[in-house]
Amino acid sequence: MKSRQKTAACIALMLFLAGCATSNPPPAEKEIRSYQEFTSRRLDDPEVKDFIDRLAPNHSTSWPPDKWQFDQLYLAALYFQPDLDVARSQWQTTKAGEITADEIPNPSVSLSPTHDQNNVLSGVSPWLYPLNLSIPIELGGKRELRVQNAKNLSNAAQLRIATTAWDVRARLQQAFIDAYASNLSMQLIRQQTEAQKAVIDIFNQRHAAGQGFGLSESQQQIAYRQTLLALKDAETQQAEAHAALASAIGIPLEAVESIRLDWSGLTEAKNLLLPPDFKEQSLKHHSQLAAALADYIAAHSALQIEIAKQIPDINLGPGYEWNPAGDKYILGFSITLPVFNNNEGAIAEAEARRKEAAEKFNALQAKVIGDIDLAVTHYKAALDKQTTADRLLAAQTATQKNLAAHLGQGEVAKIPLLLAQTETSAAKLAFHEAHIQVIKARAEIEAASEYVLSGTPPDAGLTEQPVIRKKP
């Protein structure tokens, strides 16, 4: 008897200990980066080079680059940008959900020692040791449906890595263009101020010689001051563009200010010729639409799970009871009876969520189409404005040349020639601003359509083979 009691107690203890197994996650402090880690980030880091070599083996071999092109900065942003780390982590979370969904429900065991006073009167041990198991069995393919739903959610999260990459690319491109625009604006405005200052110096010399100031002199003074304010604005815009560039890459501002930028890709860009099926191809490969469609598929699989729950699960309850009078073996069976409901409420909620996911996809598709049309319209208008600004610049340049040829280089011709030079600088600045609008409109088309017009595709190496950098 005592042997059987010990055996039952050992079995119960082993089952209990098996259920108490624990995992050992890494310490939390290993996953949190410090302020010092962020401020130490540099674009010439050897790990950045290794990362870029893996994603773009054909990039420039010199390291670090003498001048950083947009594609190189974008690849560096894929390495540093914390938003992408968040998107990758969210994907890993959903991947872990696939493991959870594939788990088989654990059985349970219960041991209920019982004292029977009648056995004491009979002269045998009063203790009984009933040991019961509960083995849940899922029916209706619920586990397979859970796994499929988890995979659908994982697929949606994976696609959002590419969406995040597009967002990073759009922010980086905007900051890169703004840095170029402010840099060239400063050069052109300085040329304009030099010409204006030369005119004012001549007026000051005349005033010192006894001549008074006229209306034109006052107007030149006002125009000069306004141009100086425009120069300050351009300097502010350049500082803001550098800060935005650092934020888009995910590095400190000092790391951006220590490099030189290569804007040749912007200045050499030709007029855009979109393919006839441009919009259709954009919608077909748009990461936001793909993720929204994956959300709909996940909502549909969640509905299938709720429908499958209408088939009740069963629980097998085999048991054993040690009794001095003789061993007892029990075979129990339980099932939930769908008397008061058959999961209709949960099914209705799942149907509503699937409908909501469908409407979100339809709304997003309409927005993407509208954004593409608006971006193309902006590009056409900017191109027309650039053409007009180009004609005005050509006319003003010709006027300045004709004036120089007609007046010569004498003292009398200085002021008219300087004024003409000022007008030419203003025309150059107007053309520059129109050209920047064309460049920004091109970037707007890329961002709206997620169609790469030139350069590295934003999702290269992100979804199929995401690369996570080494954590400090």
Protein backbone atom coordinates (compact mmCIF):
# COMPACT_ATOMS: atom_id res chain seq x y z
CA MET A 1 0.00 0.00 0.00
CA LYS A 2 2.70 2.44 1.03
CA SER A 3 4.48 1.75 -2.26
CA ARG A 4 1.40 2.77 -4.22
CA GLN A 5 1.01 5.91 -2.11
CA LYS A 6 4.61 6.91 -2.81
CA THR A 7 4.18 6.22 -6.52
CA ALA A 8 1.09 8.44 -6.74
CA ALA A 9 2.83 11.22 -4.78
CA CYS A 10 5.92 11.06 -7.03
CA ILE A 11 3.82 11.27 -10.18
CA ALA A 12 1.99 14.31 -8.85
CA LEU A 13 5.26 16.00 -7.85
CA MET A 14 6.87 15.39 -11.25
CA LEU A 15 3.91 16.81 -13.09
CA PHE A 16 3.94 19.88 -10.84
CA LEU A 17 7.64 20.52 -11.37
CA ALA A 18 7.31 20.08 -15.14
CA GLY A 19 4.74 22.86 -15.18
CA CYS A 20 7.04 25.21 -13.26
CA ALA A 21 9.78 25.42 -15.92
CA THR A 22 10.85 29.02 -16.63
CA SER A 23 12.76 30.83 -19.37
CA ASN A 24 15.60 33.28 -18.86
CA PRO A 25 15.13 36.47 -20.92
CA PRO A 26 18.12 38.80 -21.30
CA PRO A 27 18.47 41.57 -18.71
CA ALA A 28 16.45 44.66 -19.53
CA GLU A 29 19.47 46.95 -19.37
CA LYS A 30 21.02 45.10 -22.33
CA GLU A 31 18.16 46.20 -24.58
CA ILE A 32 18.09 49.90 -23.70
CA ARG A 33 20.57 52.18 -25.45
CA SER A 34 22.14 55.15 -23.74
CA TYR A 35 22.42 58.79 -24.72
CA GLN A 36 26.16 58.27 -25.15
CA GLU A 37 25.52 55.49 -27.65
CA PHE A 38 23.39 57.81 -29.78
CA THR A 39 25.81 60.73 -29.70
CA SER A 40 28.67 58.41 -30.70
CA ARG A 41 27.03 57.42 -33.98
CA ARG A 42 29.03 58.31 -37.09
CA LEU A 43 28.48 57.68 -40.77
CA ASP A 44 32.04 56.44 -41.24
CA ASP A 45 31.50 53.61 -38.74
CA PRO A 46 32.97 50.35 -40.17
CA GLU A 47 29.74 48.53 -39.29
CA VAL A 48 27.83 50.99 -41.49
CA LYS A 49 30.17 50.11 -44.36
CA ASP A 50 29.61 46.38 -43.81
CA PHE A 51 25.86 46.94 -43.74
CA ILE A 52 25.91 48.96 -46.98
CA ASP A 53 28.15 46.35 -48.64
CA ARG A 54 25.57 43.67 -47.87
CA LEU A 55 22.63 45.66 -49.20
CA ALA A 56 24.34 47.38 -52.14
CA PRO A 57 27.52 45.55 -53.19
CA ASN A 58 27.92 47.82 -56.25
CA HIS A 59 28.14 51.12 -54.38
CA SER A 60 31.28 53.27 -54.38
CA THR A 61 34.28 51.40 -52.99
CA SER A 62 35.95 54.40 -51.33
CA TRP A 63 35.18 54.68 -47.63
CA PRO A 64 34.13 56.97 -46.23
CA PRO A 65 32.80 58.73 -49.35
CA ASP A 66 34.31 62.12 -50.09
CA LYS A 67 30.77 63.33 -50.73
CA TRP A 68 27.65 61.50 -49.61
CA GLN A 69 24.99 60.86 -52.24
CA PHE A 70 21.34 60.41 -51.39
CA ASP A 71 21.38 56.63 -51.90
CA GLN A 72 24.33 56.26 -49.53
CA LEU A 73 22.60 58.33 -46.88
CA TYR A 74 19.46 56.26 -47.33
CA LEU A 75 21.37 53.02 -46.80
CA ALA A 76 22.90 54.54 -43.67
CA ALA A 77 19.38 55.44 -42.52
CA LEU A 78 18.37 51.79 -42.90
CA TYR A 79 21.16 51.00 -40.45
CA PHE A 80 20.56 53.74 -37.87
CA GLN A 81 16.90 54.74 -38.07
CA PRO A 82 15.10 53.68 -34.85
CA ASP A 83 11.71 53.67 -36.56
CA LEU A 84 12.88 50.69 -38.58
CA ASP A 85 14.06 48.97 -35.41
CA VAL A 86 10.55 49.41 -34.02
CA ALA A 87 8.98 47.98 -37.18
CA ARG A 88 11.35 45.00 -37.15
CA SER A 89 10.62 44.39 -33.45
CA GLN A 90 6.88 44.48 -34.11
CA TRP A 91 7.38 41.89 -36.84
CA GLN A 92 9.39 39.71 -34.46
CA THR A 93 6.55 40.00 -31.94
CA THR A 94 4.07 38.68 -34.47
CA LYS A 95 6.50 35.92 -35.44
CA ALA A 96 6.56 34.89 -31.79
CA GLY A 97 2.75 34.87 -31.95
CA GLU A 98 3.00 32.07 -34.53
CA ILE A 99 4.68 29.90 -31.89
CA THR A 100 1.90 30.67 -29.42
CA ALA A 101 -0.79 29.88 -31.97
CA ASP A 102 0.77 26.50 -32.75
CA GLU A 103 0.86 25.36 -29.13
CA ILE A 104 -1.31 22.43 -28.08
CA PRO A 105 -3.32 23.06 -24.87
CA ASN A 106 -1.63 21.53 -21.85
CA PRO A 107 -3.37 18.83 -19.83
CA SER A 108 -3.94 19.39 -16.13
CA VAL A 109 -3.68 17.05 -13.17
CA SER A 110 -5.34 17.14 -9.79
CA LEU A 111 -4.59 15.14 -6.63
CA SER A 112 -7.22 15.22 -3.89
CA PRO A 113 -6.19 13.23 -0.81
CA THR A 114 -9.35 12.26 1.05
CA HIS A 115 -9.85 11.02 4.63
CA ASP A 116 -12.57 8.37 4.92
CA GLN A 117 -13.64 7.76 8.53
CA ASN A 118 -15.42 4.55 7.56
CA ASN A 119 -12.09 2.97 6.70
CA VAL A 120 -10.85 3.70 10.23
CA LEU A 121 -13.75 1.69 11.67
CA SER A 122 -12.91 -1.11 9.22
CA GLY A 123 -9.32 -1.22 10.42
CA VAL A 124 -7.71 -0.02 7.13
CA SER A 125 -6.00 3.22 6.15
CA PRO A 126 -8.53 6.10 6.08
CA TRP A 127 -6.66 7.92 3.30
CA LEU A 128 -7.73 7.79 -0.35
CA TYR A 129 -5.60 9.26 -3.17
CA PRO A 130 -7.67 10.10 -6.25
CA LEU A 131 -5.49 11.31 -9.14
CA ASN A 132 -7.34 12.90 -12.09
CA LEU A 133 -6.16 14.14 -15.48
CA SER A 134 -7.92 16.65 -17.74
CA ILE A 135 -6.89 16.42 -21.40
CA PRO A 136 -8.40 19.13 -23.64
CA ILE A 137 -8.96 18.16 -27.27
CA GLU A 138 -9.67 20.92 -29.80
CA LEU A 139 -12.03 20.11 -32.63
CA GLY A 140 -12.95 21.94 -35.80
CA GLY A 141 -9.37 22.71 -36.91
CA LYS A 142 -9.06 25.60 -34.45
CA ARG A 143 -5.32 25.20 -33.99
CA GLU A 144 -4.64 25.24 -37.72
CA LEU A 145 -6.82 28.34 -38.08
CA ARG A 146 -4.99 30.07 -35.23
CA VAL A 147 -1.66 29.34 -36.89
CA GLN A 148 -2.88 30.73 -40.21
CA ASN A 149 -4.22 33.85 -38.52
CA ALA A 150 -0.90 34.38 -36.74
CA LYS A 151 0.94 34.04 -40.05
CA ASN A 152 -1.38 36.59 -41.63
CA LEU A 153 -0.71 39.04 -38.81
CA SER A 154 3.02 38.40 -39.17
CA ASN A 155 2.81 39.05 -42.91
CA ALA A 156 1.07 42.38 -42.29
CA ALA A 157 3.75 43.42 -39.78
CA GLN A 158 6.47 42.36 -42.22
CA LEU A 159 4.99 44.52 -44.96
CA ARG A 160 4.92 47.49 -42.60
CA ILE A 161 8.71 47.36 -42.43
CA ALA A 162 8.72 48.42 -46.08
CA THR A 163 6.09 51.08 -45.32
CA THR A 164 8.33 52.45 -42.58
CA ALA A 165 11.28 52.40 -44.97
CA TRP A 166 9.28 54.47 -47.45
CA ASP A 167 8.43 56.97 -44.71
CA VAL A 168 12.12 57.20 -43.78
CA ARG A 169 13.07 57.65 -47.43
CA ALA A 170 10.50 60.42 -47.95
CA ARG A 171 11.69 62.31 -44.85
CA LEU A 172 15.32 61.91 -45.85
CA GLN A 173 14.65 63.00 -49.42
CA GLN A 174 12.77 66.09 -48.27
CA ALA A 175 15.61 67.08 -45.94
CA PHE A 176 18.23 66.35 -48.63
CA ILE A 177 16.41 68.56 -51.14
CA ASP A 178 15.96 71.32 -48.56
CA ALA A 179 19.69 71.24 -47.79
CA TYR A 180 20.46 71.59 -51.50
CA ALA A 181 17.89 74.36 -51.96
CA SER A 182 19.13 76.41 -49.01
CA ASN A 183 22.78 75.98 -50.02
CA LEU A 184 22.20 77.20 -53.59
CA SER A 185 19.86 79.96 -52.38
CA MET A 186 22.61 81.27 -50.12
CA GLN A 187 25.05 81.37 -53.05
CA LEU A 188 22.62 83.21 -55.32
CA ILE A 189 21.49 85.63 -52.62
CA ARG A 190 25.11 86.45 -51.77
CA GLN A 191 25.70 87.30 -55.46
CA GLN A 192 22.64 89.52 -55.34
CA THR A 193 23.78 91.28 -52.17
CA GLU A 194 27.24 91.89 -53.64
CA ALA A 195 25.73 93.67 -56.63
CA GLN A 196 23.31 95.64 -54.46
CA LYS A 197 26.10 96.59 -52.06
CA ALA A 198 28.22 97.84 -54.98
CA VAL A 199 25.34 100.05 -56.14
CA ILE A 200 24.83 101.44 -52.64
CA ASP A 201 28.58 102.12 -52.30
CA ILE A 202 28.46 104.22 -55.47
CA PHE A 203 25.47 106.15 -54.11
CA ASN A 204 27.33 106.70 -50.83
CA GLN A 205 30.36 108.00 -52.71
CA ARG A 206 28.16 110.42 -54.62
CA HIS A 207 26.53 111.53 -51.39
CA ALA A 208 29.94 112.13 -49.85
CA ALA A 209 30.79 114.27 -52.89
CA GLY A 210 27.81 116.51 -52.17
CA GLN A 211 25.01 114.84 -54.13
CA GLY A 212 21.74 114.12 -52.33
CA PHE A 213 19.81 110.86 -52.10
CA GLY A 214 16.93 110.32 -54.49
CA LEU A 215 14.01 107.91 -54.55
CA SER A 216 15.97 105.23 -56.42
CA GLU A 217 18.74 105.33 -53.83
CA SER A 218 16.24 104.76 -51.02
CA GLN A 219 14.64 101.92 -52.92
CA GLN A 220 18.03 100.26 -53.37
CA GLN A 221 18.70 100.56 -49.63
CA ILE A 222 15.38 98.88 -48.84
CA ALA A 223 15.96 96.13 -51.42
CA TYR A 224 19.42 95.51 -49.98
CA ARG A 225 18.07 95.11 -46.45
CA GLN A 226 15.36 92.75 -47.68
CA THR A 227 17.98 90.67 -49.45
CA LEU A 228 20.04 90.46 -46.26
CA LEU A 229 16.94 89.18 -44.45
CA ALA A 230 16.43 86.62 -47.23
CA LEU A 231 20.04 85.49 -46.70
CA LYS A 232 19.35 84.99 -42.99
CA ASP A 233 16.26 82.98 -43.87
CA ALA A 234 18.31 80.78 -46.21
CA GLU A 235 20.91 80.20 -43.47
CA THR A 236 18.13 79.23 -41.05
CA GLN A 237 16.63 76.88 -43.65
CA GLN A 238 20.01 75.23 -44.14
CA ALA A 239 20.42 74.65 -40.39
CA GLU A 240 16.90 73.23 -40.20
CA ALA A 241 17.57 71.01 -43.22
CA HIS A 242 20.71 69.59 -41.60
CA ALA A 243 18.80 68.90 -38.39
CA ALA A 244 16.02 67.20 -40.37
CA LEU A 245 18.63 65.20 -42.28
CA ALA A 246 20.20 63.97 -39.03
CA SER A 247 16.77 63.05 -37.63
CA ALA A 248 15.80 61.16 -40.79
CA ILE A 249 19.03 59.13 -40.71
CA GLY A 250 18.94 58.59 -36.95
CA ILE A 251 22.28 60.19 -36.06
CA PRO A 252 23.31 63.32 -34.09
CA LEU A 253 23.46 66.65 -35.88
CA GLU A 254 27.24 66.84 -35.49
CA ALA A 255 27.62 63.72 -37.64
CA VAL A 256 25.82 65.44 -40.54
CA GLU A 257 27.68 68.72 -40.19
CA SER A 258 30.99 66.87 -40.48
CA ILE A 259 30.31 65.49 -43.98
CA ARG A 260 29.88 66.93 -47.47
CA LEU A 261 26.82 66.21 -49.59
CA ASP A 262 26.71 65.32 -53.29
CA TRP A 263 23.69 66.90 -55.01
CA SER A 264 24.65 65.89 -58.55
CA GLY A 265 21.73 63.47 -58.69
CA LEU A 266 19.35 66.39 -58.20
CA THR A 267 20.97 68.77 -60.68
CA GLU A 268 21.31 66.10 -63.38
CA ALA A 269 17.72 64.83 -63.10
CA LYS A 270 15.93 64.82 -66.46
CA ASN A 271 12.28 65.51 -67.10
CA LEU A 272 10.14 62.70 -65.81
CA LEU A 273 8.53 60.30 -68.28
CA LEU A 274 6.11 58.04 -66.44
CA PRO A 275 5.26 54.66 -68.04
CA PRO A 276 1.66 54.21 -69.28
CA ASP A 277 0.84 51.68 -66.54
CA PHE A 278 2.53 53.76 -63.85
CA LYS A 279 -0.49 54.05 -61.58
CA GLU A 280 -1.49 50.39 -61.90
CA GLN A 281 2.04 49.24 -61.12
CA SER A 282 2.19 51.60 -58.14
CA LEU A 283 -1.03 50.24 -56.66
CA LYS A 284 0.08 46.67 -57.26
CA HIS A 285 3.33 47.08 -55.33
CA HIS A 286 2.31 49.73 -52.78
CA SER A 287 3.43 48.57 -49.32
CA GLN A 288 0.63 50.38 -47.45
CA LEU A 289 -2.02 48.76 -49.64
CA ALA A 290 -0.32 45.37 -49.30
CA ALA A 291 -0.30 45.72 -45.50
CA ALA A 292 -3.94 46.82 -45.47
CA LEU A 293 -4.86 43.82 -47.62
CA ALA A 294 -2.93 41.58 -45.21
CA ASP A 295 -4.95 43.10 -42.36
CA TYR A 296 -8.14 42.16 -44.20
CA ILE A 297 -6.92 38.60 -44.72
CA ALA A 298 -6.02 38.39 -41.02
CA ALA A 299 -9.49 39.67 -40.09
CA HIS A 300 -11.03 37.01 -42.33
CA SER A 301 -8.99 34.25 -40.70
CA ALA A 302 -10.02 35.58 -37.27
CA LEU A 303 -13.63 35.23 -38.37
CA GLN A 304 -12.96 31.62 -39.40
CA ILE A 305 -11.63 30.95 -35.89
CA GLU A 306 -14.82 32.28 -34.31
CA ILE A 307 -16.94 30.18 -36.65
CA ALA A 308 -14.89 27.11 -35.77
CA LYS A 309 -15.58 27.77 -32.08
CA GLN A 310 -19.20 26.76 -32.75
CA ILE A 311 -17.87 23.23 -32.68
CA PRO A 312 -17.37 22.54 -28.95
CA ASP A 313 -14.12 21.14 -27.64
CA ILE A 314 -14.05 18.08 -25.42
CA ASN A 315 -12.12 17.23 -22.29
CA LEU A 316 -11.09 13.69 -21.47
CA GLY A 317 -10.75 13.05 -17.74
CA PRO A 318 -9.07 9.73 -16.97
CA GLY A 319 -8.38 9.15 -13.30
CA TYR A 320 -7.01 6.72 -10.76
CA GLU A 321 -7.94 6.30 -7.11
CA TRP A 322 -5.93 4.27 -4.66
CA ASN A 323 -8.28 2.62 -2.20
CA PRO A 324 -7.48 0.01 0.46
CA ALA A 325 -10.50 -1.87 -0.73
CA GLY A 326 -9.19 -1.96 -4.30
CA ASP A 327 -7.90 0.31 -7.09
CA LYS A 328 -10.41 2.40 -9.02
CA TYR A 329 -9.98 3.59 -12.60
CA ILE A 330 -12.08 6.49 -13.89
CA LEU A 331 -12.76 7.62 -17.47
CA GLY A 332 -14.37 11.07 -17.49
CA PHE A 333 -15.66 13.07 -20.41
CA SER A 334 -16.94 16.67 -20.61
CA ILE A 335 -18.17 18.96 -23.36
CA THR A 336 -19.58 22.47 -23.43
CA LEU A 337 -23.22 22.50 -24.44
CA PRO A 338 -24.22 25.39 -26.73
CA VAL A 339 -27.47 25.95 -24.88
CA PHE A 340 -27.58 29.71 -24.31
CA ASN A 341 -25.35 30.82 -27.21
CA ASN A 342 -23.39 29.33 -30.03
CA ASN A 343 -20.71 32.06 -30.24
CA GLU A 344 -22.97 34.29 -32.35
CA GLY A 345 -21.74 37.47 -30.63
CA ALA A 346 -18.06 36.82 -31.27
CA ILE A 347 -18.84 35.90 -34.88
CA ALA A 348 -20.75 39.14 -35.37
CA GLU A 349 -17.82 41.13 -33.95
CA ALA A 350 -15.36 39.31 -36.21
CA GLU A 351 -17.56 39.97 -39.25
CA ALA A 352 -17.70 43.66 -38.33
CA ARG A 353 -13.93 43.82 -37.96
CA ARG A 354 -13.48 42.17 -41.36
CA LYS A 355 -15.87 44.70 -42.88
CA GLU A 356 -13.95 47.50 -41.18
CA ALA A 357 -10.66 46.17 -42.59
CA ALA A 358 -12.20 46.07 -46.07
CA GLU A 359 -13.40 49.68 -45.80
CA LYS A 360 -9.98 50.78 -44.54
CA PHE A 361 -8.38 49.17 -47.58
CA ASN A 362 -10.86 50.83 -49.94
CA ALA A 363 -10.35 54.22 -48.29
CA LEU A 364 -6.57 53.87 -48.36
CA GLN A 365 -6.62 52.86 -52.03
CA ALA A 366 -8.72 55.92 -52.89
CA LYS A 367 -6.33 58.14 -50.90
CA VAL A 368 -3.26 56.67 -52.64
CA ILE A 369 -4.83 57.23 -56.06
CA GLY A 370 -5.73 60.80 -55.10
CA ASP A 371 -2.24 61.46 -53.74
CA ILE A 372 -0.64 60.15 -56.93
CA ASP A 373 -2.89 62.30 -59.13
CA LEU A 374 -2.19 65.36 -56.97
CA ALA A 375 1.58 64.74 -57.06
CA VAL A 376 1.56 64.39 -60.85
CA THR A 377 -0.46 67.60 -61.11
CA HIS A 378 2.06 69.39 -58.89
CA TYR A 379 4.89 68.11 -61.07
CA LYS A 380 3.30 69.33 -64.30
CA ALA A 381 2.59 72.75 -62.80
CA ALA A 382 6.13 72.99 -61.40
CA LEU A 383 7.57 72.01 -64.78
CA ASP A 384 5.56 74.76 -66.51
CA LYS A 385 6.72 77.28 -63.91
CA GLN A 386 10.34 76.20 -64.40
CA THR A 387 10.00 76.64 -68.17
CA THR A 388 8.66 80.16 -67.66
CA ALA A 389 11.41 80.99 -65.16
CA ASP A 390 14.00 79.68 -67.61
CA ARG A 391 12.69 81.97 -70.36
CA LEU A 392 12.72 84.96 -68.01
CA LEU A 393 16.28 84.18 -66.93
CA ALA A 394 17.40 83.86 -70.55
CA ALA A 395 15.75 87.18 -71.41
CA GLN A 396 17.31 88.95 -68.42
CA THR A 397 20.76 87.49 -69.21
CA ALA A 398 20.45 88.72 -72.78
CA THR A 399 19.38 92.16 -71.53
CA GLN A 400 22.42 92.36 -69.26
CA LYS A 401 24.74 91.39 -72.13
CA ASN A 402 23.16 93.92 -74.50
CA LEU A 403 23.37 96.61 -71.85
CA ALA A 404 27.05 95.86 -71.23
CA ALA A 405 27.78 95.96 -74.95
CA HIS A 406 25.89 99.23 -75.37
CA LEU A 407 27.21 101.11 -72.32
CA GLY A 408 30.73 99.71 -72.22
CA GLN A 409 32.76 99.68 -69.02
CA GLY A 410 32.88 103.39 -68.19
CA GLU A 411 32.06 105.00 -64.83
CA VAL A 412 28.66 106.08 -66.11
CA ALA A 413 27.71 102.48 -66.97
CA LYS A 414 28.50 101.07 -63.53
CA ILE A 415 25.12 101.62 -61.87
CA PRO A 416 22.97 100.37 -64.81
CA LEU A 417 25.18 97.32 -65.19
CA LEU A 418 25.11 96.56 -61.47
CA LEU A 419 21.34 96.98 -61.42
CA ALA A 420 21.08 94.62 -64.39
CA GLN A 421 23.34 92.18 -62.56
CA THR A 422 21.03 92.40 -59.55
CA GLU A 423 18.04 91.64 -61.74
CA THR A 424 19.87 88.69 -63.26
CA SER A 425 20.67 87.32 -59.79
CA ALA A 426 16.99 87.68 -58.89
CA ALA A 427 16.03 85.83 -62.08
CA LYS A 428 18.51 83.06 -61.25
CA LEU A 429 17.02 82.77 -57.78
CA ALA A 430 13.50 82.58 -59.24
CA PHE A 431 14.60 79.83 -61.63
CA HIS A 432 16.31 78.01 -58.76
CA GLU A 433 13.13 78.11 -56.68
CA ALA A 434 11.10 76.82 -59.64
CA HIS A 435 13.62 74.04 -60.21
CA ILE A 436 13.41 73.05 -56.54
CA GLN A 437 9.63 72.79 -56.87
CA VAL A 438 10.14 70.38 -59.78
CA ILE A 439 12.54 68.26 -57.71
CA LYS A 440 10.16 68.24 -54.75
CA ALA A 441 7.27 67.28 -57.01
CA ARG A 442 9.29 64.32 -58.29
CA ALA A 443 9.91 63.28 -54.70
CA GLU A 444 6.20 63.72 -53.97
CA ILE A 445 5.36 61.34 -56.82
CA GLU A 446 7.79 58.74 -55.45
CA ALA A 447 6.42 59.05 -51.92
CA ALA A 448 2.77 58.88 -53.01
CA SER A 449 3.19 56.02 -55.48
CA GLU A 450 6.03 54.14 -53.76
CA TYR A 451 7.50 53.86 -57.24
CA VAL A 452 11.27 54.34 -57.38
CA LEU A 453 12.09 56.74 -60.21
CA SER A 454 15.82 56.36 -59.56
CA GLY A 455 18.09 54.97 -56.90
CA THR A 456 17.83 52.17 -54.33
CA PRO A 457 14.38 50.63 -53.69
CA PRO A 458 13.34 51.49 -50.12
CA ASP A 459 12.49 47.90 -49.17
CA ALA A 460 15.74 46.38 -50.43
CA GLY A 461 16.92 43.82 -47.92
CA LEU A 462 14.29 44.73 -45.34
CA THR A 463 11.43 42.28 -45.55
CA GLU A 464 12.83 39.08 -46.96
CA GLN A 465 16.20 39.43 -45.17
CA PRO A 466 15.92 42.07 -42.45
CA VAL A 467 19.29 43.02 -41.08
CA ILE A 468 19.44 44.01 -37.43
CA ARG A 469 22.62 45.78 -36.42
CA LYS A 470 24.66 44.67 -33.45
CA LYS A 471 23.31 46.11 -30.23
CA PRO A 472 25.82 47.74 -27.90
